[in-house]
Amino acid sequence: MSVQKIPVGRHVGAGLECDVYLHPTNDGLVIKIRRKGATQDRNAIEHEYLSFVKSNPLLPRTYGWVETQLGRGLVYERIRDADGQTSATLATALKTGRVTPDGTRLLMSGAVETLIRNGILVHDDNLNNFLVQRTGNRLNLVMVDGFGPLVMTLKARVRMYFPVLARHKISRHAQALMPHLEKALEEMASCHAGLTGERAEGWVQVHGNEPAPELFNS
């Protein structure tokens, strides 16, 4: 069977090991390509891991391999908002006010529960690994990078197939996301220390027993 070869579209993102491009004929897809000089093939690791996980609302869908002018790439669904634009990273959504601090805590808490409940491995707690997808009045987090084992070893495969053996490791890595988020919120609050009134308070207020916080700013 011949391998499909396509020219990649516009560059839309990057991780430590890969670059992400729009699919040239389907704007609902992106292609992740290993960057030259990368120390390992994250695409191969993610493909094997996602083939095992099958489907989870916290993780993106993948649609197999293609050959491009930049080398072999892995096709993913493009995480988009209701208006068709690529969803912002969690860090960007916070900085631009698309999501409130308390809303972010609520979203991340739900993500951590999902990671632990489904035994999903996490190796990188960077906030830019999460996209905030807005569909109408609903926000969802999608983890587009940092999931799966860092290196696909025999031990990593055993943990994939028998997550009970890695329950402590999975829980520890997932729960580390919350203090990382709090640190980011504290840094942002410090940057906004010159603000006054309700706008400044919104960055540091914890609602306690009040009703569930608004997830995003209108």
Protein backbone atom coordinates (compact mmCIF):
# COMPACT_ATOMS: atom_id res chain seq x y z
CA MET A 1 0.00 0.00 0.00
CA SER A 2 1.41 3.41 -0.99
CA VAL A 3 1.86 6.00 1.76
CA GLN A 4 -0.12 9.21 1.44
CA LYS A 5 2.12 12.24 0.89
CA ILE A 6 0.75 15.72 1.49
CA PRO A 7 2.14 19.26 1.87
CA VAL A 8 1.52 20.65 5.34
CA GLY A 9 -0.41 23.86 5.87
CA ARG A 10 0.15 26.79 8.22
CA HIS A 11 2.25 26.35 11.35
CA VAL A 12 -0.11 26.61 14.35
CA GLY A 13 1.80 25.33 17.37
CA ALA A 14 4.88 23.70 18.82
CA GLY A 15 6.01 21.52 21.68
CA LEU A 16 9.44 20.56 22.93
CA GLU A 17 9.88 17.83 20.33
CA CYS A 18 7.32 18.55 17.59
CA ASP A 19 5.79 21.25 15.40
CA VAL A 20 2.09 21.36 14.58
CA TYR A 21 0.65 22.33 11.19
CA LEU A 22 -2.83 22.65 9.74
CA HIS A 23 -3.90 19.83 7.46
CA PRO A 24 -3.90 21.23 3.89
CA THR A 25 -7.33 19.90 2.90
CA ASN A 26 -9.22 19.50 6.19
CA ASP A 27 -9.26 22.42 8.62
CA GLY A 28 -10.60 20.12 11.33
CA LEU A 29 -7.26 18.32 11.48
CA VAL A 30 -3.65 19.15 12.35
CA ILE A 31 -0.41 17.30 11.67
CA LYS A 32 2.24 16.95 14.35
CA ILE A 33 5.75 16.48 12.95
CA ARG A 34 8.90 15.57 14.84
CA ARG A 35 11.32 18.47 14.89
CA LYS A 36 14.80 17.92 13.47
CA GLY A 37 17.23 17.28 16.29
CA ALA A 38 14.53 16.00 18.67
CA THR A 39 15.99 13.49 21.10
CA GLN A 40 13.06 11.08 20.80
CA ASP A 41 10.03 10.41 18.64
CA ARG A 42 7.12 11.72 20.72
CA ASN A 43 4.73 10.98 17.88
CA ALA A 44 5.54 7.27 18.00
CA ILE A 45 5.08 7.22 21.78
CA GLU A 46 1.79 9.14 21.63
CA HIS A 47 0.47 7.00 18.78
CA GLU A 48 1.12 3.80 20.72
CA TYR A 49 -0.32 5.27 23.89
CA LEU A 50 -3.47 6.67 22.29
CA SER A 51 -3.99 3.40 20.41
CA PHE A 52 -4.09 1.76 23.82
CA VAL A 53 -6.27 4.39 25.52
CA LYS A 54 -8.68 4.37 22.55
CA SER A 55 -10.88 7.31 23.52
CA ASN A 56 -11.09 9.81 26.36
CA PRO A 57 -12.68 13.29 26.34
CA LEU A 58 -9.56 14.75 27.95
CA LEU A 59 -7.28 13.55 25.13
CA PRO A 60 -7.31 14.40 21.40
CA ARG A 61 -8.29 11.88 18.76
CA THR A 62 -5.60 10.73 16.36
CA TYR A 63 -6.14 9.53 12.79
CA GLY A 64 -2.90 7.82 11.87
CA TRP A 65 0.22 8.66 9.92
CA VAL A 66 0.88 10.68 6.77
CA GLU A 67 4.03 11.49 4.85
CA THR A 68 4.70 15.19 4.28
CA GLN A 69 7.43 17.30 2.72
CA LEU A 70 8.79 17.74 6.26
CA GLY A 71 8.75 14.05 7.11
CA ARG A 72 6.31 11.65 8.70
CA GLY A 73 3.54 13.25 10.71
CA LEU A 74 0.76 12.13 13.02
CA VAL A 75 -2.72 13.45 12.25
CA TYR A 76 -4.80 14.78 15.16
CA GLU A 77 -8.16 16.41 15.49
CA ARG A 78 -7.90 20.19 15.69
CA ILE A 79 -9.24 21.43 19.02
CA ARG A 80 -11.44 24.41 18.16
CA ASP A 81 -13.93 26.74 19.79
CA ALA A 82 -17.49 27.15 18.58
CA ASP A 83 -16.36 29.98 16.26
CA GLY A 84 -13.95 27.67 14.46
CA GLN A 85 -10.78 29.20 15.88
CA THR A 86 -8.10 27.03 17.45
CA SER A 87 -8.67 26.87 21.20
CA ALA A 88 -6.25 28.84 23.37
CA THR A 89 -3.78 27.22 25.73
CA LEU A 90 -4.74 27.36 29.39
CA ALA A 91 -1.93 29.82 30.10
CA THR A 92 -3.07 32.12 27.28
CA ALA A 93 -6.73 31.86 28.31
CA LEU A 94 -5.78 32.99 31.81
CA LYS A 95 -3.56 35.85 30.70
CA THR A 96 -6.17 37.19 28.28
CA GLY A 97 -9.09 36.84 30.70
CA ARG A 98 -10.93 34.22 28.65
CA VAL A 99 -11.24 32.12 31.79
CA THR A 100 -11.31 33.21 35.44
CA PRO A 101 -8.87 31.93 38.07
CA ASP A 102 -11.63 30.13 39.98
CA GLY A 103 -12.99 28.74 36.73
CA THR A 104 -9.53 27.45 35.92
CA ARG A 105 -9.28 25.73 39.29
CA LEU A 106 -12.62 24.03 38.67
CA LEU A 107 -11.58 22.87 35.19
CA MET A 108 -8.21 21.56 36.35
CA SER A 109 -9.71 19.80 39.35
CA GLY A 110 -12.04 17.95 36.98
CA ALA A 111 -9.14 17.12 34.67
CA VAL A 112 -7.09 15.71 37.54
CA GLU A 113 -10.01 13.51 38.61
CA THR A 114 -10.38 12.24 35.03
CA LEU A 115 -6.66 11.48 34.74
CA ILE A 116 -6.63 9.49 37.97
CA ARG A 117 -9.96 7.72 37.37
CA ASN A 118 -8.88 6.59 33.88
CA GLY A 119 -5.28 5.80 34.78
CA ILE A 120 -3.83 8.27 32.27
CA LEU A 121 -0.08 8.77 32.53
CA VAL A 122 1.25 12.34 32.69
CA HIS A 123 4.91 13.26 32.28
CA ASP A 124 4.73 17.05 31.86
CA ASP A 125 2.65 19.47 33.96
CA ASN A 126 3.11 22.54 31.73
CA LEU A 127 -0.13 24.56 31.48
CA ASN A 128 0.47 25.00 27.75
CA ASN A 129 -0.24 21.29 27.35
CA PHE A 130 -3.93 22.05 27.94
CA LEU A 131 -6.25 23.83 25.54
CA VAL A 132 -9.43 25.52 26.77
CA GLN A 133 -12.18 24.61 24.33
CA ARG A 134 -15.20 26.89 24.42
CA THR A 135 -18.45 25.60 22.95
CA GLY A 136 -21.34 27.92 23.69
CA ASN A 137 -21.50 28.41 27.46
CA ARG A 138 -19.39 25.35 28.18
CA LEU A 139 -15.63 25.09 28.67
CA ASN A 140 -13.59 21.89 28.42
CA LEU A 141 -9.92 21.16 28.92
CA VAL A 142 -8.17 19.01 26.33
CA MET A 143 -4.65 17.77 27.02
CA VAL A 144 -2.79 17.93 23.70
CA ASP A 145 0.73 17.22 24.97
CA GLY A 146 2.48 15.87 28.06
CA PHE A 147 0.41 12.68 28.33
CA GLY A 148 1.68 9.12 28.17
CA PRO A 149 5.09 7.91 29.32
CA LEU A 150 8.14 10.06 28.77
CA VAL A 151 9.94 7.07 27.25
CA MET A 152 8.20 3.94 25.97
CA THR A 153 10.06 1.31 27.99
CA LEU A 154 8.95 -2.17 29.00
CA LYS A 155 8.05 -0.78 32.43
CA ALA A 156 5.94 1.93 30.78
CA ARG A 157 4.05 -0.68 28.75
CA VAL A 158 3.39 -2.74 31.87
CA ARG A 159 1.95 0.39 33.53
CA MET A 160 -0.25 0.98 30.49
CA TYR A 161 -1.75 -2.48 30.53
CA PHE A 162 -1.88 -2.79 34.33
CA PRO A 163 -2.57 0.76 35.60
CA VAL A 164 -3.21 -0.56 39.10
CA LEU A 165 0.56 -1.14 39.32
CA ALA A 166 1.15 2.55 38.57
CA ARG A 167 -1.74 3.95 40.61
CA HIS A 168 0.53 5.89 42.96
CA LYS A 169 2.66 7.31 40.14
CA ILE A 170 -0.39 8.29 38.08
CA SER A 171 -2.04 9.97 41.08
CA ARG A 172 1.15 11.79 42.09
CA HIS A 173 1.79 13.19 38.61
CA ALA A 174 -1.83 14.19 38.05
CA GLN A 175 -2.16 15.90 41.44
CA ALA A 176 1.04 17.85 40.76
CA LEU A 177 -0.95 19.83 38.19
CA MET A 178 -2.89 21.70 40.89
CA PRO A 179 0.08 23.26 42.76
CA HIS A 180 1.63 24.09 39.38
CA LEU A 181 -1.58 25.91 38.46
CA GLU A 182 -1.68 27.74 41.82
CA LYS A 183 1.89 28.90 41.29
CA ALA A 184 0.96 30.28 37.87
CA LEU A 185 -2.06 32.07 39.34
CA GLU A 186 0.07 33.61 42.07
CA GLU A 187 2.56 34.87 39.49
CA MET A 188 -0.26 36.37 37.43
CA ALA A 189 -1.76 37.97 40.53
CA SER A 190 1.62 39.55 41.27
CA CYS A 191 1.75 40.94 37.74
CA HIS A 192 -1.67 42.49 38.30
CA ALA A 193 -0.81 43.86 41.75
CA GLY A 194 -1.15 47.40 40.43
CA LEU A 195 -4.81 46.89 39.60
CA THR A 196 -7.46 48.20 41.99
CA GLY A 197 -11.01 47.39 42.98
CA GLU A 198 -13.01 44.42 41.73
CA ARG A 199 -10.72 43.79 38.76
CA ALA A 200 -7.72 43.14 41.02
CA GLU A 201 -9.71 41.13 43.54
CA GLY A 202 -10.89 38.81 40.78
CA TRP A 203 -7.37 37.47 40.39
CA VAL A 204 -6.97 36.35 43.99
CA GLN A 205 -10.45 35.82 45.41
CA VAL A 206 -11.47 32.36 46.57
CA HIS A 207 -15.25 31.99 46.70
CA GLY A 208 -15.48 29.53 49.62
CA ASN A 209 -19.09 28.44 50.11
CA GLU A 210 -20.50 30.63 47.39
CA PRO A 211 -22.15 29.05 44.31
CA ALA A 212 -19.88 27.57 41.62
CA PRO A 213 -17.71 30.34 40.08
CA GLU A 214 -18.18 31.68 36.59
CA LEU A 215 -15.82 29.79 34.30
CA PHE A 216 -15.15 32.56 31.86
CA ASN A 217 -15.47 36.29 31.45
CA SER A 218 -18.09 37.58 29.04
